[in-house]
Amino acid sequence: QERLRWFRAPWGRYTAGMERVVSDRGMRNVMTDAFACCPRIPDPQFIAQFLLKVIQDGSIIVLHMPEAGFRAWTLEALRSWWSK
């Protein structure tokens, strides 16, 4: 089983306590360089086009998990973006 190597603090708020725990576990904190706007803009085409404009090799993208009947547009955006 592969161990987790990265941690992303919720809302990007990385506290000293988090830093100690992350360090103790041999992990690294990562931040994002591409936020998909998916909680605020429920438009899969906008999300896909936006990501295509801002991402580059090595980008860390924040997407919010779609669920049945909730944020389905995020999955649609992923399918659209991935096929390009």
Protein backbone atom coordinates (compact mmCIF):
# COMPACT_ATOMS: atom_id res chain seq x y z
CA GLN A 1 0.00 0.00 0.00
CA GLU A 2 1.35 3.38 -1.02
CA ARG A 3 1.53 5.95 1.77
CA LEU A 4 0.11 9.41 1.40
CA ARG A 5 2.77 11.99 0.59
CA TRP A 6 0.80 15.20 0.24
CA PHE A 7 -1.67 17.18 2.31
CA ARG A 8 -3.77 20.16 1.30
CA ALA A 9 -5.10 22.22 4.15
CA PRO A 10 -8.83 22.95 3.97
CA TRP A 11 -9.43 26.39 2.48
CA GLY A 12 -5.64 26.71 2.19
CA ARG A 13 -5.40 27.56 5.89
CA TYR A 14 -2.25 25.82 7.07
CA THR A 15 -1.68 26.17 10.80
CA ALA A 16 1.40 25.48 12.93
CA GLY A 17 -0.40 22.45 14.40
CA MET A 18 -1.06 21.07 10.94
CA GLU A 19 2.55 21.67 10.01
CA ARG A 20 3.75 19.57 12.96
CA VAL A 21 1.40 16.68 12.14
CA VAL A 22 2.18 16.77 8.42
CA SER A 23 5.92 16.88 9.11
CA ASP A 24 5.73 14.08 11.72
CA ARG A 25 4.10 11.86 9.10
CA GLY A 26 6.73 12.64 6.48
CA MET A 27 4.25 14.44 4.26
CA ARG A 28 4.37 17.77 2.45
CA ASN A 29 1.74 20.47 2.31
CA VAL A 30 0.68 21.45 -1.20
CA MET A 31 -1.31 24.39 -2.43
CA THR A 32 -3.34 24.73 -5.58
CA ASP A 33 -2.66 26.74 -8.68
CA ALA A 34 -5.99 26.00 -10.39
CA PHE A 35 -9.33 26.39 -8.61
CA ALA A 36 -12.20 25.15 -10.77
CA CYS A 37 -14.88 27.50 -9.34
CA CYS A 38 -17.20 24.47 -9.29
CA PRO A 39 -19.02 25.28 -6.03
CA ARG A 40 -19.96 28.73 -7.32
CA ILE A 41 -20.35 28.33 -11.09
CA PRO A 42 -22.44 25.28 -12.03
CA ASP A 43 -21.48 25.42 -15.70
CA PRO A 44 -19.44 22.44 -16.94
CA GLN A 45 -18.31 24.16 -20.15
CA PHE A 46 -17.08 27.22 -18.25
CA ILE A 47 -15.18 25.03 -15.77
CA ALA A 48 -13.58 22.93 -18.53
CA GLN A 49 -12.57 25.98 -20.59
CA PHE A 50 -11.24 27.80 -17.53
CA LEU A 51 -9.10 24.82 -16.51
CA LEU A 52 -7.75 24.45 -20.04
CA LYS A 53 -6.61 28.08 -19.88
CA VAL A 54 -4.92 28.01 -16.48
CA ILE A 55 -3.40 24.57 -16.01
CA GLN A 56 0.08 23.53 -17.01
CA ASP A 57 2.23 20.44 -16.43
CA GLY A 58 2.36 19.77 -12.70
CA SER A 59 -0.71 21.86 -11.86
CA ILE A 60 -2.66 21.02 -8.74
CA ILE A 61 -6.37 21.42 -9.44
CA VAL A 62 -9.05 21.81 -6.79
CA LEU A 63 -12.33 20.22 -7.89
CA HIS A 64 -15.22 19.49 -5.61
CA MET A 65 -16.47 15.93 -5.63
CA PRO A 66 -19.68 15.35 -7.55
CA GLU A 67 -22.34 13.17 -5.97
CA ALA A 68 -25.60 11.79 -7.30
CA GLY A 69 -27.83 14.83 -7.68
CA PHE A 70 -25.21 17.23 -6.32
CA ARG A 71 -22.48 18.99 -8.32
CA ALA A 72 -23.05 16.75 -11.32
CA TRP A 73 -21.65 19.61 -13.43
CA THR A 74 -18.19 18.92 -11.98
CA LEU A 75 -18.19 15.41 -13.46
CA GLU A 76 -19.45 16.80 -16.78
CA ALA A 77 -16.65 19.38 -16.72
CA LEU A 78 -14.06 16.68 -16.08
CA ARG A 79 -15.33 14.56 -18.95
CA SER A 80 -15.30 17.56 -21.27
CA TRP A 81 -11.87 18.76 -20.15
CA TRP A 82 -10.31 15.28 -20.21
CA SER A 83 -11.43 14.65 -23.78
CA LYS A 84 -9.67 17.78 -25.12
